[in-house]
Amino acid sequence: MRQRGFTLVEVLVAIVVFAIIGLASAAVVNTMMRTNEQSSEARTALLQLQQAMLLIEQDLRQTVSRRTPSGEHYVRAGWFNPGQLLPRSELQPFRYFVNDDQQLIREHYSYPDMSKSSDPVQRVLLEGITDITITPIVKGQEQEEESEGPMAIPDGVEVTVESDYWGTIVRVFLLNGGDFSDPAPSP
């Protein structure tokens, strides 16, 4: 009587085939997990960049014509203080700079006429930033900074951010209804 079954060679071939399929599946799953991690990191970095640019835009769009004692800060209006309940103004001096750790910092004071005795509040917005430049523009031309009198509000501001991750980012924000269109010729 002859018994039916698999030979040792057939069993070994089946094991090798299943092992190859298992290794290929593990490689695909590993690649998918790494891609998901990289996508998550990119999404987080993009979200941080978007939040930083939104904050810069809000600050610059609410800039008022007021100088600070140091001359290094812009002043923005609209700092929420309902019913003047907080012991401060609705004006907030602020500036952006890059520190030695390549972090984009937003610095602000609680009072527009800051004194040497008050410490600024600093917030890290982005990492890996090498430089930030904020250039006022009027009808596409750079505006010369005046040292006396009220600070003139330009038509727009060009913000250039140099980043290790994103490269060079240039944003132009219109301020106070600024208009960069050419004037219509008179009839």
N, C-alpha and C. Protein backbone atom coordinates (compact mmCIF):
# COMPACT_ATOMS: atom_id res chain seq x y z
N MET A 1 0.83 -1.16 0.00
CA MET A 1 0.00 0.00 0.00
C MET A 1 0.89 1.25 0.00
N ARG A 2 0.59 2.09 -0.88
CA ARG A 2 1.38 3.30 -1.04
C ARG A 2 0.71 4.46 -0.29
N GLN A 3 1.51 5.21 0.51
CA GLN A 3 0.97 6.33 1.26
C GLN A 3 1.16 7.62 0.47
N ARG A 4 0.16 8.47 0.62
CA ARG A 4 0.23 9.75 -0.08
C ARG A 4 0.67 10.80 0.90
N GLY A 5 1.45 11.78 0.44
CA GLY A 5 1.93 12.87 1.29
C GLY A 5 2.93 13.71 0.52
N PHE A 6 3.56 14.58 1.25
CA PHE A 6 4.53 15.47 0.64
C PHE A 6 5.93 14.94 0.91
N THR A 7 6.78 15.14 -0.06
CA THR A 7 8.17 14.74 0.14
C THR A 7 8.89 15.86 0.87
N LEU A 8 10.05 15.56 1.37
CA LEU A 8 10.85 16.54 2.10
C LEU A 8 11.21 17.72 1.19
N VAL A 9 11.52 17.49 -0.06
CA VAL A 9 11.86 18.55 -1.00
C VAL A 9 10.66 19.47 -1.20
N GLU A 10 9.48 18.93 -1.33
CA GLU A 10 8.28 19.75 -1.52
C GLU A 10 8.01 20.62 -0.29
N VAL A 11 8.20 20.07 0.89
CA VAL A 11 7.99 20.82 2.13
C VAL A 11 9.02 21.95 2.23
N LEU A 12 10.29 21.67 1.89
CA LEU A 12 11.32 22.70 1.94
C LEU A 12 11.05 23.81 0.93
N VAL A 13 10.60 23.46 -0.26
CA VAL A 13 10.28 24.47 -1.27
C VAL A 13 9.12 25.35 -0.78
N ALA A 14 8.12 24.76 -0.17
CA ALA A 14 6.98 25.52 0.35
C ALA A 14 7.43 26.47 1.46
N ILE A 15 8.32 26.00 2.34
CA ILE A 15 8.83 26.86 3.43
C ILE A 15 9.63 28.02 2.86
N VAL A 16 10.46 27.78 1.86
CA VAL A 16 11.24 28.84 1.23
C VAL A 16 10.32 29.87 0.58
N VAL A 17 9.29 29.43 -0.11
CA VAL A 17 8.34 30.36 -0.76
C VAL A 17 7.64 31.22 0.29
N PHE A 18 7.17 30.57 1.37
CA PHE A 18 6.50 31.34 2.42
C PHE A 18 7.48 32.31 3.10
N ALA A 19 8.73 31.92 3.28
CA ALA A 19 9.73 32.80 3.88
C ALA A 19 9.97 34.03 2.99
N ILE A 20 10.07 33.83 1.68
CA ILE A 20 10.26 34.95 0.75
C ILE A 20 9.08 35.89 0.78
N ILE A 21 7.88 35.33 0.79
CA ILE A 21 6.68 36.16 0.87
C ILE A 21 6.65 36.94 2.19
N GLY A 22 7.02 36.30 3.29
CA GLY A 22 7.05 36.96 4.60
C GLY A 22 8.07 38.08 4.64
N LEU A 23 9.27 37.85 4.10
CA LEU A 23 10.29 38.90 4.08
C LEU A 23 9.86 40.08 3.22
N ALA A 24 9.26 39.79 2.08
CA ALA A 24 8.79 40.88 1.22
C ALA A 24 7.69 41.68 1.92
N SER A 25 6.78 40.99 2.60
CA SER A 25 5.71 41.68 3.32
C SER A 25 6.28 42.53 4.45
N ALA A 26 7.26 42.01 5.17
CA ALA A 26 7.88 42.77 6.27
C ALA A 26 8.58 44.01 5.72
N ALA A 27 9.24 43.90 4.59
CA ALA A 27 9.91 45.06 3.99
C ALA A 27 8.89 46.12 3.58
N VAL A 28 7.77 45.71 3.00
CA VAL A 28 6.73 46.65 2.60
C VAL A 28 6.14 47.35 3.82
N VAL A 29 5.85 46.59 4.88
CA VAL A 29 5.29 47.18 6.10
C VAL A 29 6.29 48.15 6.73
N ASN A 30 7.57 47.77 6.77
CA ASN A 30 8.60 48.64 7.33
C ASN A 30 8.71 49.95 6.53
N THR A 31 8.67 49.85 5.21
CA THR A 31 8.73 51.04 4.36
C THR A 31 7.51 51.93 4.59
N MET A 32 6.35 51.34 4.72
CA MET A 32 5.14 52.12 4.98
C MET A 32 5.22 52.84 6.32
N MET A 33 5.76 52.17 7.34
CA MET A 33 5.88 52.80 8.66
C MET A 33 6.87 53.96 8.62
N ARG A 34 8.00 53.80 7.94
CA ARG A 34 8.97 54.89 7.82
C ARG A 34 8.39 56.06 7.04
N THR A 35 7.66 55.76 5.97
CA THR A 35 7.04 56.82 5.18
C THR A 35 6.01 57.58 6.00
N ASN A 36 5.26 56.86 6.81
CA ASN A 36 4.26 57.50 7.67
C ASN A 36 4.94 58.40 8.70
N GLU A 37 6.06 57.95 9.28
CA GLU A 37 6.79 58.79 10.23
C GLU A 37 7.33 60.05 9.55
N GLN A 38 7.89 59.90 8.35
CA GLN A 38 8.42 61.06 7.63
C GLN A 38 7.30 62.02 7.26
N SER A 39 6.15 61.49 6.84
CA SER A 39 5.00 62.34 6.52
C SER A 39 4.51 63.08 7.76
N SER A 40 4.50 62.40 8.88
CA SER A 40 4.07 63.03 10.12
C SER A 40 5.02 64.15 10.52
N GLU A 41 6.32 63.93 10.39
CA GLU A 41 7.30 64.98 10.69
C GLU A 41 7.13 66.17 9.74
N ALA A 42 6.91 65.89 8.46
CA ALA A 42 6.72 66.97 7.48
C ALA A 42 5.44 67.75 7.78
N ARG A 43 4.37 67.05 8.15
CA ARG A 43 3.12 67.73 8.50
C ARG A 43 3.30 68.62 9.73
N THR A 44 4.02 68.11 10.72
CA THR A 44 4.27 68.90 11.93
C THR A 44 5.09 70.14 11.60
N ALA A 45 6.13 69.98 10.79
CA ALA A 45 6.97 71.13 10.40
C ALA A 45 6.16 72.14 9.60
N LEU A 46 5.31 71.67 8.69
CA LEU A 46 4.47 72.58 7.90
C LEU A 46 3.47 73.31 8.78
N LEU A 47 2.90 72.62 9.74
CA LEU A 47 1.95 73.25 10.66
C LEU A 47 2.65 74.34 11.48
N GLN A 48 3.86 74.07 11.97
CA GLN A 48 4.61 75.08 12.71
C GLN A 48 4.92 76.29 11.83
N LEU A 49 5.31 76.03 10.58
CA LEU A 49 5.60 77.12 9.65
C LEU A 49 4.35 77.96 9.39
N GLN A 50 3.21 77.31 9.16
CA GLN A 50 1.97 78.02 8.91
C GLN A 50 1.56 78.86 10.12
N GLN A 51 1.71 78.31 11.32
CA GLN A 51 1.34 79.06 12.53
C GLN A 51 2.27 80.26 12.72
N ALA A 52 3.56 80.07 12.46
CA ALA A 52 4.51 81.19 12.60
C ALA A 52 4.19 82.28 11.59
N MET A 53 3.92 81.91 10.34
CA MET A 53 3.61 82.90 9.32
C MET A 53 2.29 83.61 9.63
N LEU A 54 1.32 82.91 10.18
CA LEU A 54 0.06 83.54 10.57
C LEU A 54 0.29 84.56 11.67
N LEU A 55 1.11 84.22 12.65
CA LEU A 55 1.39 85.16 13.74
C LEU A 55 2.14 86.37 13.22
N ILE A 56 3.13 86.15 12.34
CA ILE A 56 3.86 87.28 11.75
C ILE A 56 2.90 88.17 10.96
N GLU A 57 2.02 87.55 10.18
CA GLU A 57 1.05 88.32 9.39
C GLU A 57 0.12 89.13 10.29
N GLN A 58 -0.40 88.51 11.35
CA GLN A 58 -1.29 89.23 12.26
C GLN A 58 -0.58 90.41 12.91
N ASP A 59 0.66 90.18 13.34
CA ASP A 59 1.41 91.27 13.96
C ASP A 59 1.63 92.42 12.98
N LEU A 60 2.08 92.09 11.79
CA LEU A 60 2.41 93.14 10.82
C LEU A 60 1.16 93.87 10.31
N ARG A 61 0.07 93.16 10.13
CA ARG A 61 -1.16 93.80 9.65
C ARG A 61 -1.78 94.73 10.68
N GLN A 62 -1.46 94.52 11.95
CA GLN A 62 -2.01 95.38 13.01
C GLN A 62 -1.00 96.39 13.51
N THR A 63 0.08 96.59 12.77
CA THR A 63 1.11 97.55 13.16
C THR A 63 0.55 98.96 13.11
N VAL A 64 0.89 99.73 14.13
CA VAL A 64 0.45 101.13 14.20
C VAL A 64 1.67 102.04 14.08
N SER A 65 1.38 103.30 13.81
CA SER A 65 2.43 104.31 13.61
C SER A 65 2.90 104.82 14.97
N ARG A 66 3.73 104.04 15.62
CA ARG A 66 4.23 104.41 16.95
C ARG A 66 5.63 103.85 17.11
N ARG A 67 6.51 104.67 17.62
CA ARG A 67 7.88 104.23 17.84
C ARG A 67 8.05 103.75 19.29
N THR A 68 8.99 102.84 19.47
CA THR A 68 9.33 102.38 20.81
C THR A 68 10.63 103.07 21.24
N PRO A 69 10.89 103.14 22.54
CA PRO A 69 12.12 103.79 22.99
C PRO A 69 13.38 103.15 22.40
N SER A 70 13.39 101.84 22.23
CA SER A 70 14.58 101.18 21.71
C SER A 70 14.70 101.34 20.19
N GLY A 71 13.57 101.52 19.51
CA GLY A 71 13.57 101.64 18.06
C GLY A 71 13.69 100.32 17.33
N GLU A 72 13.84 99.22 18.06
CA GLU A 72 13.99 97.90 17.44
C GLU A 72 12.66 97.17 17.28
N HIS A 73 11.65 97.65 17.94
CA HIS A 73 10.37 96.95 17.97
C HIS A 73 9.32 97.67 17.15
N TYR A 74 8.43 96.88 16.54
CA TYR A 74 7.21 97.41 15.96
C TYR A 74 6.17 97.43 17.07
N VAL A 75 5.10 98.18 16.87
CA VAL A 75 4.01 98.19 17.84
C VAL A 75 2.74 97.80 17.11
N ARG A 76 2.04 96.85 17.67
CA ARG A 76 0.78 96.42 17.08
C ARG A 76 -0.38 96.78 18.00
N ALA A 77 -1.52 97.03 17.37
CA ALA A 77 -2.74 97.28 18.11
C ALA A 77 -3.54 95.98 18.15
N GLY A 78 -4.62 96.00 18.91
CA GLY A 78 -5.51 94.85 18.90
C GLY A 78 -5.11 93.73 19.83
N TRP A 79 -4.23 94.02 20.80
CA TRP A 79 -3.89 93.01 21.79
C TRP A 79 -5.06 92.94 22.75
N PHE A 80 -5.78 91.87 22.75
CA PHE A 80 -7.07 91.75 23.41
C PHE A 80 -6.95 92.07 24.91
N ASN A 81 -7.72 93.05 25.35
CA ASN A 81 -7.79 93.45 26.75
C ASN A 81 -9.23 93.89 27.02
N PRO A 82 -10.13 92.95 27.21
CA PRO A 82 -11.55 93.28 27.30
C PRO A 82 -11.86 94.19 28.49
N GLY A 83 -12.46 95.33 28.18
CA GLY A 83 -12.87 96.27 29.22
C GLY A 83 -11.71 96.81 30.03
N GLN A 84 -10.51 96.77 29.49
CA GLN A 84 -9.30 97.22 30.19
C GLN A 84 -9.15 96.55 31.56
N LEU A 85 -9.50 95.26 31.62
CA LEU A 85 -9.41 94.51 32.87
C LEU A 85 -7.97 94.22 33.26
N LEU A 86 -7.11 94.03 32.28
CA LEU A 86 -5.71 93.73 32.57
C LEU A 86 -4.94 95.04 32.73
N PRO A 87 -3.91 95.06 33.57
CA PRO A 87 -3.16 96.30 33.79
C PRO A 87 -2.16 96.57 32.65
N ARG A 88 -2.68 96.71 31.46
CA ARG A 88 -1.83 96.98 30.30
C ARG A 88 -2.66 97.58 29.19
N SER A 89 -1.98 98.03 28.17
CA SER A 89 -2.62 98.65 27.01
C SER A 89 -3.04 97.57 26.02
N GLU A 90 -3.75 97.99 24.98
CA GLU A 90 -4.03 97.09 23.87
C GLU A 90 -2.94 97.16 22.81
N LEU A 91 -1.91 97.97 23.08
CA LEU A 91 -0.75 98.07 22.20
C LEU A 91 0.34 97.12 22.71
N GLN A 92 1.04 96.51 21.77
CA GLN A 92 2.08 95.54 22.15
C GLN A 92 3.31 95.72 21.27
N PRO A 93 4.45 96.08 21.86
CA PRO A 93 5.68 96.13 21.06
C PRO A 93 6.20 94.72 20.82
N PHE A 94 6.66 94.45 19.61
CA PHE A 94 7.14 93.11 19.27
C PHE A 94 8.28 93.21 18.28
N ARG A 95 9.04 92.15 18.19
CA ARG A 95 10.06 92.02 17.17
C ARG A 95 10.34 90.54 16.95
N TYR A 96 10.93 90.24 15.81
CA TYR A 96 11.33 88.89 15.47
C TYR A 96 12.83 88.87 15.25
N PHE A 97 13.48 87.85 15.75
CA PHE A 97 14.91 87.70 15.53
C PHE A 97 15.29 86.23 15.62
N VAL A 98 16.50 85.92 15.16
CA VAL A 98 17.02 84.56 15.21
C VAL A 98 18.12 84.53 16.25
N ASN A 99 18.03 83.61 17.21
CA ASN A 99 19.05 83.52 18.25
C ASN A 99 20.21 82.62 17.80
N ASP A 100 21.16 82.41 18.69
CA ASP A 100 22.35 81.62 18.36
C ASP A 100 22.04 80.14 18.13
N ASP A 101 20.91 79.66 18.64
CA ASP A 101 20.50 78.26 18.46
C ASP A 101 19.68 78.06 17.19
N GLN A 102 19.67 79.03 16.30
CA GLN A 102 18.90 79.01 15.05
C GLN A 102 17.42 78.81 15.31
N GLN A 103 16.90 79.57 16.25
CA GLN A 103 15.47 79.55 16.55
C GLN A 103 14.89 80.92 16.20
N LEU A 104 13.73 80.91 15.54
CA LEU A 104 13.02 82.15 15.27
C LEU A 104 12.25 82.51 16.53
N ILE A 105 12.56 83.67 17.09
CA ILE A 105 11.98 84.11 18.36
C ILE A 105 11.06 85.29 18.12
N ARG A 106 9.89 85.27 18.74
CA ARG A 106 9.01 86.44 18.80
C ARG A 106 9.13 86.99 20.20
N GLU A 107 9.55 88.24 20.28
CA GLU A 107 9.74 88.89 21.57
C GLU A 107 8.73 90.02 21.70
N HIS A 108 8.07 90.10 22.85
CA HIS A 108 7.16 91.21 23.07
C HIS A 108 7.23 91.68 24.52
N TYR A 109 6.80 92.90 24.71
CA TYR A 109 6.71 93.49 26.05
C TYR A 109 5.24 93.71 26.36
N SER A 110 4.96 93.84 27.66
CA SER A 110 3.57 94.08 28.07
C SER A 110 3.16 95.53 27.92
N TYR A 111 4.15 96.44 27.86
CA TYR A 111 3.84 97.86 27.79
C TYR A 111 4.54 98.48 26.59
N PRO A 112 3.87 99.38 25.86
CA PRO A 112 4.49 99.97 24.67
C PRO A 112 5.74 100.80 24.98
N ASP A 113 5.75 101.47 26.13
CA ASP A 113 6.92 102.23 26.53
C ASP A 113 7.73 101.38 27.50
N MET A 114 8.37 100.37 26.93
CA MET A 114 9.08 99.42 27.78
C MET A 114 10.26 100.08 28.48
N SER A 115 10.53 99.58 29.66
CA SER A 115 11.66 100.11 30.42
C SER A 115 12.71 99.01 30.58
N LYS A 116 13.88 99.42 31.03
CA LYS A 116 14.95 98.45 31.21
C LYS A 116 14.65 97.49 32.35
N SER A 117 13.72 97.86 33.23
CA SER A 117 13.38 96.99 34.35
C SER A 117 12.39 95.89 33.97
N SER A 118 11.72 96.04 32.83
CA SER A 118 10.76 95.01 32.42
C SER A 118 11.44 94.01 31.48
N ASP A 119 11.17 92.75 31.71
CA ASP A 119 11.74 91.70 30.89
C ASP A 119 10.81 91.35 29.74
N PRO A 120 11.35 91.10 28.55
CA PRO A 120 10.49 90.71 27.44
C PRO A 120 10.02 89.26 27.58
N VAL A 121 8.92 88.97 26.92
CA VAL A 121 8.43 87.60 26.83
C VAL A 121 8.89 87.07 25.48
N GLN A 122 9.57 85.94 25.48
CA GLN A 122 10.08 85.36 24.24
C GLN A 122 9.42 84.03 23.98
N ARG A 123 9.09 83.81 22.71
CA ARG A 123 8.43 82.57 22.30
C ARG A 123 9.15 82.03 21.08
N VAL A 124 9.54 80.77 21.12
CA VAL A 124 10.19 80.12 19.99
C VAL A 124 9.12 79.71 18.99
N LEU A 125 9.24 80.21 17.75
CA LEU A 125 8.26 79.88 16.72
C LEU A 125 8.73 78.74 15.82
N LEU A 126 10.00 78.79 15.41
CA LEU A 126 10.53 77.79 14.48
C LEU A 126 11.95 77.44 14.86
N GLU A 127 12.36 76.23 14.51
CA GLU A 127 13.74 75.76 14.71
C GLU A 127 14.42 75.70 13.35
N GLY A 128 15.74 75.77 13.36
CA GLY A 128 16.51 75.64 12.12
C GLY A 128 16.44 76.85 11.21
N ILE A 129 16.24 78.02 11.78
CA ILE A 129 16.15 79.26 11.00
C ILE A 129 17.51 79.96 11.07
N THR A 130 18.04 80.34 9.93
CA THR A 130 19.35 81.01 9.91
C THR A 130 19.23 82.53 9.85
N ASP A 131 18.14 83.06 9.28
CA ASP A 131 18.01 84.51 9.17
C ASP A 131 16.56 84.89 8.91
N ILE A 132 16.17 86.07 9.38
CA ILE A 132 14.87 86.65 9.04
C ILE A 132 15.11 88.13 8.73
N THR A 133 14.48 88.59 7.65
CA THR A 133 14.59 89.98 7.24
C THR A 133 13.18 90.51 7.00
N ILE A 134 12.87 91.65 7.62
CA ILE A 134 11.58 92.30 7.42
C ILE A 134 11.86 93.64 6.78
N THR A 135 11.41 93.79 5.51
CA THR A 135 11.70 94.99 4.74
C THR A 135 10.41 95.72 4.39
N PRO A 136 10.23 96.97 4.88
CA PRO A 136 9.04 97.74 4.48
C PRO A 136 9.15 98.14 3.01
N ILE A 137 8.04 98.10 2.29
CA ILE A 137 8.03 98.49 0.88
C ILE A 137 6.87 99.43 0.61
N VAL A 138 7.12 100.35 -0.32
CA VAL A 138 6.09 101.28 -0.78
C VAL A 138 6.04 101.16 -2.29
N LYS A 139 4.93 100.72 -2.82
CA LYS A 139 4.75 100.55 -4.27
C LYS A 139 5.93 99.82 -4.90
N GLY A 140 6.42 98.77 -4.21
CA GLY A 140 7.49 97.96 -4.75
C GLY A 140 8.88 98.49 -4.46
N GLN A 141 9.00 99.65 -3.82
CA GLN A 141 10.31 100.22 -3.51
C GLN A 141 10.56 100.12 -2.01
N GLU A 142 11.83 99.99 -1.64
CA GLU A 142 12.16 99.96 -0.22
C GLU A 142 11.91 101.33 0.40
N GLN A 143 11.41 101.32 1.62
CA GLN A 143 11.12 102.57 2.32
C GLN A 143 12.30 102.90 3.21
N GLU A 144 12.70 104.16 3.18
CA GLU A 144 13.78 104.59 4.05
C GLU A 144 13.22 104.85 5.43
N GLU A 145 13.95 104.35 6.43
CA GLU A 145 13.50 104.47 7.81
C GLU A 145 13.79 105.87 8.33
N GLU A 146 12.78 106.51 8.90
CA GLU A 146 12.95 107.83 9.51
C GLU A 146 13.24 107.64 10.98
N SER A 147 14.10 108.48 11.53
CA SER A 147 14.45 108.32 12.94
C SER A 147 13.62 109.22 13.85
N GLU A 148 12.99 110.26 13.35
CA GLU A 148 12.22 111.18 14.16
C GLU A 148 10.75 111.16 13.73
N GLY A 149 9.88 111.54 14.64
CA GLY A 149 8.46 111.63 14.32
C GLY A 149 7.79 110.27 14.31
N PRO A 150 6.52 110.27 13.96
CA PRO A 150 5.79 109.00 13.95
C PRO A 150 6.33 108.08 12.85
N MET A 151 6.25 106.82 13.11
CA MET A 151 6.72 105.83 12.15
C MET A 151 5.70 105.71 11.02
N ALA A 152 6.15 105.82 9.80
CA ALA A 152 5.25 105.71 8.65
C ALA A 152 4.91 104.25 8.42
N ILE A 153 3.64 103.99 8.16
CA ILE A 153 3.21 102.62 7.86
C ILE A 153 3.35 102.43 6.35
N PRO A 154 4.13 101.44 5.91
CA PRO A 154 4.31 101.23 4.47
C PRO A 154 3.09 100.56 3.86
N ASP A 155 3.07 100.48 2.52
CA ASP A 155 1.99 99.78 1.83
C ASP A 155 2.07 98.28 2.06
N GLY A 156 3.28 97.78 2.28
CA GLY A 156 3.46 96.36 2.48
C GLY A 156 4.78 96.08 3.17
N VAL A 157 4.96 94.83 3.51
CA VAL A 157 6.19 94.39 4.16
C VAL A 157 6.60 93.07 3.51
N GLU A 158 7.89 92.99 3.17
CA GLU A 158 8.42 91.73 2.64
C GLU A 158 9.17 91.02 3.76
N VAL A 159 8.76 89.80 4.05
CA VAL A 159 9.39 88.99 5.09
C VAL A 159 10.14 87.86 4.40
N THR A 160 11.45 87.78 4.64
CA THR A 160 12.28 86.72 4.08
C THR A 160 12.83 85.89 5.22
N VAL A 161 12.56 84.59 5.18
CA VAL A 161 13.02 83.66 6.21
C VAL A 161 13.94 82.64 5.55
N GLU A 162 15.15 82.51 6.07
CA GLU A 162 16.11 81.50 5.60
C GLU A 162 16.05 80.32 6.57
N SER A 163 15.75 79.13 6.03
CA SER A 163 15.58 77.95 6.86
C SER A 163 16.42 76.79 6.33
N ASP A 164 16.91 75.98 7.24
CA ASP A 164 17.64 74.77 6.83
C ASP A 164 16.68 73.77 6.17
N TYR A 165 15.47 73.66 6.69
CA TYR A 165 14.51 72.66 6.21
C TYR A 165 13.76 73.12 4.96
N TRP A 166 13.30 74.38 4.95
CA TRP A 166 12.44 74.88 3.88
C TRP A 166 13.19 75.69 2.83
N GLY A 167 14.40 76.11 3.10
CA GLY A 167 15.12 76.98 2.16
C GLY A 167 14.71 78.43 2.40
N THR A 168 14.64 79.20 1.34
CA THR A 168 14.27 80.62 1.45
C THR A 168 12.77 80.77 1.23
N ILE A 169 12.14 81.42 2.18
CA ILE A 169 10.70 81.69 2.09
C ILE A 169 10.53 83.20 2.05
N VAL A 170 9.83 83.69 1.04
CA VAL A 170 9.58 85.13 0.90
C VAL A 170 8.07 85.33 0.89
N ARG A 171 7.57 86.17 1.80
CA ARG A 171 6.15 86.51 1.85
C ARG A 171 6.02 88.02 1.82
N VAL A 172 5.05 88.51 1.08
CA VAL A 172 4.75 89.94 1.04
C VAL A 172 3.36 90.12 1.62
N PHE A 173 3.27 90.97 2.63
CA PHE A 173 2.00 91.25 3.28
C PHE A 173 1.59 92.68 2.98
N LEU A 174 0.36 92.87 2.51
CA LEU A 174 -0.19 94.21 2.32
C LEU A 174 -0.62 94.75 3.68
N LEU A 175 -0.33 96.01 3.93
CA LEU A 175 -0.68 96.62 5.21
C LEU A 175 -1.62 97.79 4.99
N ASN A 176 -2.57 97.93 5.88
CA ASN A 176 -3.47 99.09 5.89
C ASN A 176 -4.05 99.42 4.52
N GLY A 177 -4.49 98.42 3.82
CA GLY A 177 -5.10 98.65 2.51
C GLY A 177 -4.10 99.02 1.45
N GLY A 178 -2.84 98.63 1.62
CA GLY A 178 -1.82 98.93 0.63
C GLY A 178 -2.20 98.37 -0.73
N ASP A 179 -1.80 99.05 -1.79
CA ASP A 179 -2.17 98.67 -3.13
C ASP A 179 -0.93 98.73 -4.02
N PHE A 180 -0.56 97.61 -4.62
CA PHE A 180 0.61 97.58 -5.48
C PHE A 180 0.25 97.65 -6.96
N SER A 181 -1.00 97.91 -7.28
CA SER A 181 -1.39 97.98 -8.69
C SER A 181 -0.97 99.35 -9.25
N ASP A 182 -0.74 99.37 -10.54
CA ASP A 182 -0.37 100.63 -11.20
C ASP A 182 -1.61 101.54 -11.24
N PRO A 183 -1.40 102.83 -11.04
CA PRO A 183 -2.55 103.75 -11.11
C PRO A 183 -3.08 103.80 -12.53
N ALA A 184 -4.38 103.97 -12.64
CA ALA A 184 -5.04 104.05 -13.95
C ALA A 184 -4.66 105.39 -14.59
N PRO A 185 -4.37 105.39 -15.90
CA PRO A 185 -4.04 106.66 -16.56
C PRO A 185 -5.26 107.57 -16.59
N SER A 186 -4.99 108.87 -16.42
CA SER A 186 -6.10 109.82 -16.45
C SER A 186 -6.52 110.09 -17.89
N PRO A 187 -7.84 110.30 -18.12
CA PRO A 187 -8.31 110.50 -19.49
C PRO A 187 -7.95 111.84 -20.06
